[in-house]
Structures are given as C-alpha cells and as structure tokens.
Amino acid sequence: MNCVAIALLLFAQIHLLHGACYRWILIPGETHCQDRVDKTWHPIGSEWRNSRCQDCSCGECCDAYMTPRKIPDDCMMEFDREECKYKVFKKNDRTQSCPILVSVGK
C-alpha cells in the first residue's frame, strides 16, 4: 500500500516538472551528431552550448538555466541570452535585484 501512496504522490507532482531536456537516437557507428537547433556538427562524446542556451551532447540537449516560477509582485524578470539566465529586478528600478521564490530547471 505504501508503494501506491508514493506513486500517487509522485504523479500529483508531475505538473511541477517542466521538460527541460530532449533526446534523440544516435545511429550506431556515427562519428558526429547534429545540433537540432543550430544545425552544427559535433564529434560523438563532445559537449557544447547552443544558441537557445541548451547544454548538449550527442543524443541530448537540456536547458542550461533555471526558470523563475514565482517572484515578488513588485518585480519582473527578463531573459539574458548572452548569460543564459533570467534576471529578476524591481519593476521601478532595474538596478535593484529581487529574490526568486520558486524556480524550475537545471
């Protein structure tokens, strides 16, 4: 019965998870793979970051950043593509940072 309760508890949490990764199948014998976003080729076993701020290896790419899900009401967020992260700051003063109360991802 404990297993059923744990399974139900985990199932109830699925909405909190956000698919931050995707995978693809490699063909046996391949020496290189192609990034699905940038269309660049990489040797098997290598790792790279693509233009969508995803950390990749041959067969998988995952978001390289945390996504804020809850911030104070007087704050706003903006994604910085150069740093691959969200910046959270006061709505009336961009120089004043705000805390991230809840986030998902890496």
N, C-alpha and C. Protein backbone atom coordinates (compact mmCIF):
# COMPACT_ATOMS: atom_id res chain seq x y z
N MET A 1 0.82 -1.20 0.00
CA MET A 1 0.00 0.00 0.00
C MET A 1 0.87 1.27 0.00
N ASN A 2 2.03 1.20 0.67
CA ASN A 2 2.93 2.36 0.69
C ASN A 2 3.39 2.72 -0.71
N CYS A 3 3.63 1.72 -1.55
CA CYS A 3 4.07 1.99 -2.92
C CYS A 3 3.00 2.75 -3.71
N VAL A 4 1.75 2.40 -3.49
CA VAL A 4 0.65 3.08 -4.18
C VAL A 4 0.58 4.53 -3.73
N ALA A 5 0.72 4.77 -2.44
CA ALA A 5 0.68 6.14 -1.92
C ALA A 5 1.83 6.97 -2.48
N ILE A 6 3.02 6.38 -2.54
CA ILE A 6 4.17 7.09 -3.08
C ILE A 6 3.97 7.38 -4.56
N ALA A 7 3.46 6.41 -5.30
CA ALA A 7 3.21 6.60 -6.73
C ALA A 7 2.21 7.72 -6.95
N LEU A 8 1.14 7.76 -6.17
CA LEU A 8 0.14 8.82 -6.30
C LEU A 8 0.74 10.18 -5.95
N LEU A 9 1.57 10.21 -4.93
CA LEU A 9 2.21 11.47 -4.55
C LEU A 9 3.12 11.97 -5.67
N LEU A 10 3.92 11.10 -6.24
CA LEU A 10 4.79 11.49 -7.35
C LEU A 10 3.98 11.91 -8.57
N PHE A 11 2.93 11.19 -8.87
CA PHE A 11 2.08 11.54 -10.01
C PHE A 11 1.46 12.92 -9.82
N ALA A 12 1.09 13.24 -8.58
CA ALA A 12 0.48 14.54 -8.29
C ALA A 12 1.47 15.68 -8.50
N GLN A 13 2.77 15.39 -8.47
CA GLN A 13 3.80 16.42 -8.62
C GLN A 13 4.22 16.64 -10.07
N ILE A 14 3.73 15.84 -11.00
CA ILE A 14 4.15 15.92 -12.40
C ILE A 14 3.95 17.32 -12.97
N HIS A 15 2.88 17.99 -12.58
CA HIS A 15 2.64 19.34 -13.11
C HIS A 15 3.72 20.33 -12.72
N LEU A 16 4.50 20.02 -11.69
CA LEU A 16 5.58 20.91 -11.28
C LEU A 16 6.83 20.74 -12.11
N LEU A 17 6.92 19.64 -12.84
CA LEU A 17 8.09 19.38 -13.66
C LEU A 17 7.89 19.97 -15.04
N HIS A 18 8.94 20.47 -15.60
CA HIS A 18 8.86 21.02 -16.94
C HIS A 18 9.96 20.39 -17.76
N GLY A 19 9.58 19.83 -18.90
CA GLY A 19 10.55 19.14 -19.74
C GLY A 19 11.63 20.08 -20.21
N ALA A 20 12.77 20.05 -19.56
CA ALA A 20 13.86 20.94 -19.91
C ALA A 20 14.88 20.23 -20.79
N CYS A 21 14.66 18.97 -21.11
CA CYS A 21 15.60 18.20 -21.92
C CYS A 21 14.86 17.51 -23.07
N TYR A 22 15.59 17.26 -24.11
CA TYR A 22 15.07 16.39 -25.16
C TYR A 22 16.20 15.51 -25.65
N ARG A 23 15.83 14.35 -26.14
CA ARG A 23 16.81 13.36 -26.58
C ARG A 23 16.51 12.89 -27.98
N TRP A 24 17.52 12.37 -28.63
CA TRP A 24 17.34 11.75 -29.93
C TRP A 24 18.23 10.51 -30.00
N ILE A 25 17.89 9.65 -30.91
CA ILE A 25 18.59 8.37 -31.05
C ILE A 25 19.76 8.53 -31.99
N LEU A 26 20.90 8.01 -31.56
CA LEU A 26 22.09 8.01 -32.41
C LEU A 26 22.14 6.71 -33.20
N ILE A 27 22.60 6.81 -34.42
CA ILE A 27 22.75 5.62 -35.26
C ILE A 27 24.10 4.99 -34.95
N PRO A 28 24.13 3.69 -34.66
CA PRO A 28 25.40 3.04 -34.34
C PRO A 28 26.43 3.28 -35.44
N GLY A 29 27.65 3.59 -35.03
CA GLY A 29 28.72 3.83 -35.98
C GLY A 29 28.91 5.28 -36.36
N GLU A 30 27.97 6.16 -35.97
CA GLU A 30 28.13 7.58 -36.28
C GLU A 30 29.35 8.15 -35.57
N THR A 31 30.04 9.06 -36.21
CA THR A 31 31.20 9.71 -35.58
C THR A 31 30.88 11.14 -35.17
N HIS A 32 29.78 11.69 -35.71
CA HIS A 32 29.35 13.06 -35.40
C HIS A 32 27.83 13.08 -35.25
N CYS A 33 27.34 14.11 -34.56
CA CYS A 33 25.90 14.32 -34.45
C CYS A 33 25.61 15.79 -34.75
N GLN A 34 24.37 16.07 -35.10
CA GLN A 34 23.99 17.44 -35.46
C GLN A 34 23.11 18.04 -34.38
N ASP A 35 23.44 19.26 -33.96
CA ASP A 35 22.59 20.01 -33.02
C ASP A 35 21.28 20.31 -33.74
N ARG A 36 20.16 19.98 -33.10
CA ARG A 36 18.84 20.15 -33.71
C ARG A 36 18.45 21.62 -33.86
N VAL A 37 19.06 22.50 -33.09
CA VAL A 37 18.73 23.93 -33.14
C VAL A 37 19.61 24.67 -34.14
N ASP A 38 20.91 24.58 -33.93
CA ASP A 38 21.86 25.36 -34.75
C ASP A 38 22.31 24.66 -36.02
N LYS A 39 22.00 23.38 -36.13
CA LYS A 39 22.40 22.57 -37.30
C LYS A 39 23.92 22.44 -37.42
N THR A 40 24.63 22.60 -36.28
CA THR A 40 26.09 22.43 -36.28
C THR A 40 26.42 20.96 -36.00
N TRP A 41 27.57 20.51 -36.48
CA TRP A 41 28.01 19.12 -36.31
C TRP A 41 29.05 19.05 -35.21
N HIS A 42 28.97 17.99 -34.40
CA HIS A 42 29.86 17.81 -33.25
C HIS A 42 30.30 16.35 -33.17
N PRO A 43 31.56 16.12 -32.77
CA PRO A 43 32.04 14.75 -32.62
C PRO A 43 31.32 14.02 -31.48
N ILE A 44 31.07 12.73 -31.64
CA ILE A 44 30.47 11.93 -30.58
C ILE A 44 31.36 12.08 -29.34
N GLY A 45 30.72 12.30 -28.18
CA GLY A 45 31.45 12.47 -26.92
C GLY A 45 31.71 13.92 -26.56
N SER A 46 31.45 14.84 -27.48
CA SER A 46 31.69 16.26 -27.18
C SER A 46 30.47 16.88 -26.50
N GLU A 47 30.69 18.05 -25.90
CA GLU A 47 29.62 18.81 -25.27
C GLU A 47 29.70 20.25 -25.75
N TRP A 48 28.55 20.92 -25.87
CA TRP A 48 28.51 22.29 -26.35
C TRP A 48 27.26 22.98 -25.83
N ARG A 49 27.20 24.31 -25.96
CA ARG A 49 26.01 25.11 -25.64
C ARG A 49 25.52 25.72 -26.93
N ASN A 50 24.24 25.54 -27.24
CA ASN A 50 23.71 26.08 -28.49
C ASN A 50 23.10 27.48 -28.28
N SER A 51 22.56 28.04 -29.35
CA SER A 51 22.06 29.42 -29.32
C SER A 51 20.77 29.58 -28.51
N ARG A 52 20.13 28.49 -28.10
CA ARG A 52 18.95 28.55 -27.23
C ARG A 52 19.30 28.30 -25.77
N CYS A 53 20.57 28.47 -25.44
CA CYS A 53 21.05 28.27 -24.07
C CYS A 53 20.76 26.87 -23.56
N GLN A 54 21.03 25.90 -24.40
CA GLN A 54 20.90 24.50 -24.02
C GLN A 54 22.28 23.87 -24.01
N ASP A 55 22.57 23.11 -22.95
CA ASP A 55 23.80 22.34 -22.88
C ASP A 55 23.53 21.00 -23.55
N CYS A 56 24.37 20.66 -24.50
CA CYS A 56 24.12 19.48 -25.33
C CYS A 56 25.30 18.53 -25.34
N SER A 57 25.00 17.30 -25.65
CA SER A 57 25.97 16.28 -26.01
C SER A 57 25.28 15.47 -27.09
N CYS A 58 25.99 14.62 -27.76
CA CYS A 58 25.35 13.84 -28.82
C CYS A 58 24.27 12.96 -28.22
N GLY A 59 23.04 13.24 -28.59
CA GLY A 59 21.90 12.47 -28.11
C GLY A 59 21.01 13.20 -27.14
N GLU A 60 21.44 14.37 -26.61
CA GLU A 60 20.62 15.06 -25.62
C GLU A 60 20.98 16.53 -25.51
N CYS A 61 19.94 17.36 -25.33
CA CYS A 61 20.12 18.78 -25.01
C CYS A 61 19.19 19.12 -23.84
N CYS A 62 19.70 19.91 -22.90
CA CYS A 62 18.93 20.34 -21.73
C CYS A 62 19.12 21.84 -21.53
N ASP A 63 18.06 22.50 -21.07
CA ASP A 63 18.17 23.92 -20.76
C ASP A 63 19.29 24.13 -19.77
N ALA A 64 20.07 25.19 -19.97
CA ALA A 64 21.23 25.48 -19.14
C ALA A 64 20.90 26.54 -18.08
N TYR A 65 19.62 26.72 -17.78
CA TYR A 65 19.23 27.79 -16.87
C TYR A 65 18.01 27.39 -16.05
N MET A 66 17.82 28.11 -14.96
CA MET A 66 16.64 27.95 -14.11
C MET A 66 15.58 28.95 -14.60
N THR A 67 14.33 28.54 -14.58
CA THR A 67 13.23 29.42 -14.96
C THR A 67 12.46 29.81 -13.71
N PRO A 68 12.43 31.10 -13.37
CA PRO A 68 11.66 31.54 -12.20
C PRO A 68 10.17 31.26 -12.41
N ARG A 69 9.54 30.73 -11.38
CA ARG A 69 8.09 30.47 -11.42
C ARG A 69 7.33 31.36 -10.45
N LYS A 70 8.06 31.90 -9.47
CA LYS A 70 7.41 32.80 -8.52
C LYS A 70 8.42 33.86 -8.08
N ILE A 71 8.01 35.11 -8.28
CA ILE A 71 8.83 36.24 -7.86
C ILE A 71 7.91 37.23 -7.14
N PRO A 72 8.44 38.15 -6.34
CA PRO A 72 7.59 39.14 -5.67
C PRO A 72 6.77 39.95 -6.69
N ASP A 73 5.61 40.40 -6.27
CA ASP A 73 4.70 41.14 -7.16
C ASP A 73 5.29 42.43 -7.71
N ASP A 74 6.19 43.06 -6.96
CA ASP A 74 6.76 44.33 -7.42
C ASP A 74 8.01 44.13 -8.28
N CYS A 75 8.21 42.91 -8.75
CA CYS A 75 9.38 42.58 -9.55
C CYS A 75 8.99 42.06 -10.92
N MET A 76 9.96 42.05 -11.81
CA MET A 76 9.75 41.49 -13.14
C MET A 76 11.00 40.71 -13.53
N MET A 77 10.88 39.89 -14.57
CA MET A 77 12.04 39.11 -15.00
C MET A 77 12.26 39.28 -16.49
N GLU A 78 13.51 39.07 -16.88
CA GLU A 78 13.91 39.22 -18.28
C GLU A 78 15.01 38.20 -18.55
N PHE A 79 14.94 37.52 -19.68
CA PHE A 79 15.94 36.52 -20.00
C PHE A 79 17.12 37.17 -20.72
N ASP A 80 18.31 36.91 -20.23
CA ASP A 80 19.55 37.42 -20.82
C ASP A 80 20.18 36.29 -21.64
N ARG A 81 20.08 36.37 -22.96
CA ARG A 81 20.59 35.31 -23.84
C ARG A 81 22.10 35.21 -23.84
N GLU A 82 22.79 36.29 -23.55
CA GLU A 82 24.25 36.23 -23.51
C GLU A 82 24.74 35.48 -22.28
N GLU A 83 24.08 35.66 -21.14
CA GLU A 83 24.48 34.98 -19.91
C GLU A 83 23.68 33.70 -19.68
N CYS A 84 22.67 33.45 -20.50
CA CYS A 84 21.81 32.26 -20.38
C CYS A 84 21.19 32.17 -18.98
N LYS A 85 20.60 33.27 -18.53
CA LYS A 85 19.92 33.25 -17.24
C LYS A 85 18.86 34.34 -17.19
N TYR A 86 17.88 34.13 -16.29
CA TYR A 86 16.87 35.15 -16.05
C TYR A 86 17.41 36.16 -15.06
N LYS A 87 17.16 37.42 -15.33
CA LYS A 87 17.47 38.48 -14.38
C LYS A 87 16.14 38.95 -13.80
N VAL A 88 16.09 39.05 -12.48
CA VAL A 88 14.88 39.46 -11.78
C VAL A 88 15.19 40.75 -11.03
N PHE A 89 14.36 41.76 -11.29
CA PHE A 89 14.62 43.09 -10.73
C PHE A 89 13.32 43.82 -10.45
N LYS A 90 13.43 44.90 -9.67
CA LYS A 90 12.26 45.72 -9.32
C LYS A 90 11.67 46.35 -10.58
N LYS A 91 10.36 46.40 -10.66
CA LYS A 91 9.69 46.99 -11.83
C LYS A 91 10.05 48.47 -12.00
N ASN A 92 10.22 49.17 -10.89
CA ASN A 92 10.50 50.60 -10.97
C ASN A 92 11.99 50.94 -10.88
N ASP A 93 12.86 49.91 -10.74
CA ASP A 93 14.30 50.16 -10.64
C ASP A 93 15.06 48.91 -11.09
N ARG A 94 15.48 48.90 -12.34
CA ARG A 94 16.15 47.73 -12.91
C ARG A 94 17.50 47.43 -12.25
N THR A 95 18.04 48.37 -11.50
CA THR A 95 19.33 48.14 -10.84
C THR A 95 19.18 47.39 -9.52
N GLN A 96 17.95 47.27 -9.04
CA GLN A 96 17.70 46.60 -7.76
C GLN A 96 17.19 45.19 -8.02
N SER A 97 17.97 44.18 -7.66
CA SER A 97 17.57 42.80 -7.92
C SER A 97 16.52 42.33 -6.92
N CYS A 98 15.81 41.28 -7.32
CA CYS A 98 14.76 40.69 -6.49
C CYS A 98 15.06 39.21 -6.26
N PRO A 99 14.52 38.65 -5.19
CA PRO A 99 14.71 37.22 -4.96
C PRO A 99 13.82 36.38 -5.87
N ILE A 100 14.29 35.21 -6.19
CA ILE A 100 13.47 34.22 -6.91
C ILE A 100 12.93 33.28 -5.84
N LEU A 101 11.61 33.22 -5.70
CA LEU A 101 11.00 32.44 -4.65
C LEU A 101 10.85 30.96 -5.03
N VAL A 102 10.56 30.70 -6.30
CA VAL A 102 10.43 29.33 -6.81
C VAL A 102 10.96 29.32 -8.23
N SER A 103 11.72 28.29 -8.55
CA SER A 103 12.21 28.15 -9.92
C SER A 103 12.27 26.67 -10.29
N VAL A 104 12.31 26.41 -11.60
CA VAL A 104 12.42 25.05 -12.10
C VAL A 104 13.54 24.99 -13.13
N GLY A 105 14.05 23.82 -13.34
CA GLY A 105 15.07 23.65 -14.35
C GLY A 105 16.37 23.18 -13.76
N LYS A 106 17.41 23.49 -14.46
CA LYS A 106 18.75 22.99 -14.11
C LYS A 106 19.13 23.25 -12.68
